[in-house]
Protein backbone atom coordinates (compact mmCIF):
# COMPACT_ATOMS: atom_id res chain seq x y z
CA MET A 1 -20.10 47.05 -15.58
CA LYS A 2 -19.07 46.01 -12.29
CA THR A 3 -18.95 42.43 -11.13
CA THR A 4 -19.92 42.18 -7.31
CA MET A 5 -20.25 38.36 -5.94
CA LYS A 6 -23.18 38.10 -3.36
CA ILE A 7 -22.48 36.53 0.36
CA ASP A 8 -24.11 33.08 -1.38
CA GLU A 9 -21.68 32.98 -4.12
CA LYS A 10 -18.89 33.39 -2.13
CA SER A 11 -19.46 30.64 0.34
CA ASP A 12 -20.58 28.36 -2.57
CA LEU A 13 -17.08 29.49 -3.86
CA ALA A 14 -15.27 28.68 -0.52
CA SER A 15 -17.32 25.51 -0.03
CA GLU A 16 -15.81 24.39 -3.63
CA VAL A 17 -12.35 25.10 -3.15
CA GLU A 18 -12.25 23.29 0.51
CA ASN A 19 -13.89 19.91 -1.39
CA LEU A 20 -11.40 20.29 -3.67
CA GLU A 21 -8.71 20.65 -1.28
CA PHE A 22 -10.36 17.90 0.69
CA GLU A 23 -10.04 15.68 -2.19
CA GLU A 24 -6.35 16.41 -2.80
CA MET A 25 -5.28 15.57 0.54
CA GLU A 26 -7.40 12.85 0.52
CA GLN A 27 -5.68 11.24 -2.93
CA GLY A 28 -2.45 12.06 -1.39
CA VAL A 29 -2.68 9.98 1.70
CA SER A 30 -4.23 7.00 -0.27
CA GLN A 31 -1.33 6.88 -2.24
CA ALA A 32 1.18 7.29 0.56
CA GLY A 33 -1.01 4.51 2.20
CA MET A 34 -0.74 2.28 -1.24
CA GLY A 35 2.97 2.89 -1.14
CA PHE A 36 3.72 2.02 2.22
CA MET A 37 2.21 -1.24 1.76
CA MET A 38 3.69 -1.85 -1.16
CA ALA A 39 6.89 -1.68 0.82
CA MET A 40 5.66 -4.24 3.15
CA ALA A 41 4.35 -6.90 1.02
CA GLY A 42 8.05 -6.35 -0.93
CA LEU A 43 10.10 -6.69 2.52
CA ILE A 44 7.65 -9.85 3.19
CA GLY A 45 8.34 -11.33 0.02
CA PHE A 46 12.26 -10.72 0.32
CA TRP A 47 12.38 -12.40 3.77
CA GLY A 48 10.75 -15.16 2.64
CA LEU A 49 13.06 -15.43 -0.44
CA ALA A 50 15.73 -15.40 2.35
CA CYS A 51 14.34 -18.01 4.50
CA LEU A 52 13.83 -20.88 1.79
CA ALA A 53 17.56 -19.86 0.40
CA SER A 54 19.03 -20.23 3.96
CA ALA A 55 16.73 -23.95 4.14
CA VAL A 56 17.49 -25.21 0.81
CA ALA A 57 21.59 -23.94 1.82
CA GLN A 58 21.41 -26.23 5.09
CA ASN A 59 19.54 -28.76 4.52
CA GLY A 60 19.34 -29.28 0.70
CA VAL A 61 16.97 -29.29 -1.93
CA LEU A 62 15.94 -33.20 -1.10
CA ALA A 63 15.47 -32.89 2.66
CA LEU A 64 13.29 -29.86 2.04
CA PHE A 65 11.19 -30.95 -0.04
CA ARG A 66 10.81 -34.07 2.41
CA GLY A 67 10.04 -31.94 5.53
CA TRP A 68 7.46 -30.14 3.40
CA LEU A 69 6.10 -33.85 2.40
CA SER A 70 5.59 -34.61 6.21
CA ALA A 71 4.35 -31.05 7.10
CA VAL A 72 1.34 -31.51 4.54
CA GLY A 73 0.82 -35.40 5.52
CA ILE A 74 1.08 -36.63 2.41
């Protein structure tokens, strides 16, 4: 028995392969984007912690608390 593919079957197979390649690419781009966002969130969190530590070192905890209360307006 000879197996032959019709033109429609070939085009269906080609479109399925293209869809799979697109889905893999889409997933890779999504993972890269999430990795970038997580790295930026970590960097921002580290920067905030460094700023807080600097404020505590320069002014002390009590002055920092008083400054926060005056900024909030309590």
